[in-house]
């Protein structure tokens, strides 16, 4: 069963600031406000950012729900 980005972060027991710090360690300058936007599905990370988030959260890319707006053509 796929989960949303916020649930993945909460399951990893991380705050948004901790995720921001981990993203920075991987070379991504991600603001907390950007994480909020991703979690609210107003925007979505790039594929590379998404992979980094999955690595940080300890889950696979298929474990996270991709918003319908990105999958419809």
C-alpha atoms as a PDB file:
ATOM      1  CA  UNK A   1       0.000   0.000   0.000  1.00  0.00           C
ATOM      2  CA  UNK A   2       1.404   3.366  -1.029  1.00  0.00           C
ATOM      3  CA  UNK A   3       1.560   6.271   1.414  1.00  0.00           C
ATOM      4  CA  UNK A   4       1.867  10.025   1.015  1.00  0.00           C
ATOM      5  CA  UNK A   5       5.076  12.006   1.499  1.00  0.00           C
ATOM      6  CA  UNK A   6       4.032  13.373   4.885  1.00  0.00           C
ATOM      7  CA  UNK A   7       3.215   9.881   6.166  1.00  0.00           C
ATOM      8  CA  UNK A   8       6.605   8.623   4.963  1.00  0.00           C
ATOM      9  CA  UNK A   9       8.341  11.429   6.886  1.00  0.00           C
ATOM     10  CA  UNK A  10       6.290  10.818  10.022  1.00  0.00           C
ATOM     11  CA  UNK A  11       6.925   7.062   9.779  1.00  0.00           C
ATOM     12  CA  UNK A  12      10.646   7.831   9.565  1.00  0.00           C
ATOM     13  CA  UNK A  13      10.207   9.883  12.769  1.00  0.00           C
ATOM     14  CA  UNK A  14      11.723  12.989  11.203  1.00  0.00           C
ATOM     15  CA  UNK A  15      10.865  16.653  11.365  1.00  0.00           C
ATOM     16  CA  UNK A  16      10.820  18.762   8.217  1.00  0.00           C
ATOM     17  CA  UNK A  17      13.956  20.529   9.408  1.00  0.00           C
ATOM     18  CA  UNK A  18      15.749  17.183   9.774  1.00  0.00           C
ATOM     19  CA  UNK A  19      14.686  16.255   6.240  1.00  0.00           C
ATOM     20  CA  UNK A  20      15.940  19.631   4.993  1.00  0.00           C
ATOM     21  CA  UNK A  21      19.314  18.948   6.620  1.00  0.00           C
ATOM     22  CA  UNK A  22      19.506  15.458   5.086  1.00  0.00           C
ATOM     23  CA  UNK A  23      18.623  16.847   1.658  1.00  0.00           C
ATOM     24  CA  UNK A  24      21.387  19.448   2.061  1.00  0.00           C
ATOM     25  CA  UNK A  25      23.886  16.669   2.844  1.00  0.00           C
ATOM     26  CA  UNK A  26      22.893  15.130  -0.507  1.00  0.00           C
ATOM     27  CA  UNK A  27      23.428  18.408  -2.351  1.00  0.00           C
ATOM     28  CA  UNK A  28      19.827  19.668  -2.478  1.00  0.00           C
ATOM     29  CA  UNK A  29      19.002  23.118  -1.112  1.00  0.00           C
ATOM     30  CA  UNK A  30      15.439  22.367  -0.054  1.00  0.00           C
ATOM     31  CA  UNK A  31      13.536  24.868   2.070  1.00  0.00           C
ATOM     32  CA  UNK A  32      11.110  23.705   4.737  1.00  0.00           C
ATOM     33  CA  UNK A  33       8.404  25.598   2.824  1.00  0.00           C
ATOM     34  CA  UNK A  34       9.188  23.440  -0.212  1.00  0.00           C
ATOM     35  CA  UNK A  35       8.738  20.289   1.875  1.00  0.00           C
ATOM     36  CA  UNK A  36       5.386  21.644   3.070  1.00  0.00           C
ATOM     37  CA  UNK A  37       4.347  22.238  -0.548  1.00  0.00           C
ATOM     38  CA  UNK A  38       5.381  18.712  -1.554  1.00  0.00           C
ATOM     39  CA  UNK A  39       3.511  17.189   1.376  1.00  0.00           C
ATOM     40  CA  UNK A  40       0.383  19.209   0.514  1.00  0.00           C
ATOM     41  CA  UNK A  41       0.748  18.041  -3.120  1.00  0.00           C
ATOM     42  CA  UNK A  42       0.761  21.626  -4.420  1.00  0.00           C
ATOM     43  CA  UNK A  43       4.087  20.790  -6.069  1.00  0.00           C
ATOM     44  CA  UNK A  44       6.147  17.621  -6.358  1.00  0.00           C
ATOM     45  CA  UNK A  45       9.896  17.015  -6.170  1.00  0.00           C
ATOM     46  CA  UNK A  46      11.928  16.227  -9.250  1.00  0.00           C
ATOM     47  CA  UNK A  47      12.716  12.561  -9.833  1.00  0.00           C
ATOM     48  CA  UNK A  48      16.181  13.000  -8.305  1.00  0.00           C
ATOM     49  CA  UNK A  49      14.780  14.807  -5.249  1.00  0.00           C
ATOM     50  CA  UNK A  50      12.071  12.152  -4.936  1.00  0.00           C
ATOM     51  CA  UNK A  51      14.693   9.384  -4.946  1.00  0.00           C
ATOM     52  CA  UNK A  52      16.667  11.232  -2.249  1.00  0.00           C
ATOM     53  CA  UNK A  53      13.535  11.577  -0.097  1.00  0.00           C
ATOM     54  CA  UNK A  54      12.809   7.859  -0.433  1.00  0.00           C
ATOM     55  CA  UNK A  55      16.386   7.076   0.600  1.00  0.00           C
ATOM     56  CA  UNK A  56      16.075   9.399   3.600  1.00  0.00           C
ATOM     57  CA  UNK A  57      12.722   7.883   4.605  1.00  0.00           C
ATOM     58  CA  UNK A  58      13.964   4.331   4.069  1.00  0.00           C
ATOM     59  CA  UNK A  59      11.335   3.374   1.516  1.00  0.00           C
ATOM     60  CA  UNK A  60      11.141   2.594  -2.169  1.00  0.00           C
ATOM     61  CA  UNK A  61       9.895   4.992  -4.817  1.00  0.00           C
ATOM     62  CA  UNK A  62       6.874   2.731  -5.364  1.00  0.00           C
ATOM     63  CA  UNK A  63       5.920   3.086  -1.705  1.00  0.00           C
ATOM     64  CA  UNK A  64       4.971   6.767  -2.108  1.00  0.00           C
ATOM     65  CA  UNK A  65       1.744   7.976  -3.746  1.00  0.00           C
ATOM     66  CA  UNK A  66       2.332  10.127  -6.814  1.00  0.00           C
ATOM     67  CA  UNK A  67      -0.426  12.759  -7.180  1.00  0.00           C
ATOM     68  CA  UNK A  68      -2.947  12.087  -9.950  1.00  0.00           C
ATOM     69  CA  UNK A  69      -2.138  15.424 -11.535  1.00  0.00           C
ATOM     70  CA  UNK A  70       1.325  14.086 -12.384  1.00  0.00           C
ATOM     71  CA  UNK A  71       0.188  10.750 -13.754  1.00  0.00           C
ATOM     72  CA  UNK A  72      -2.622  11.989 -16.035  1.00  0.00           C
ATOM     73  CA  UNK A  73      -1.798  13.218 -19.511  1.00  0.00           C
END
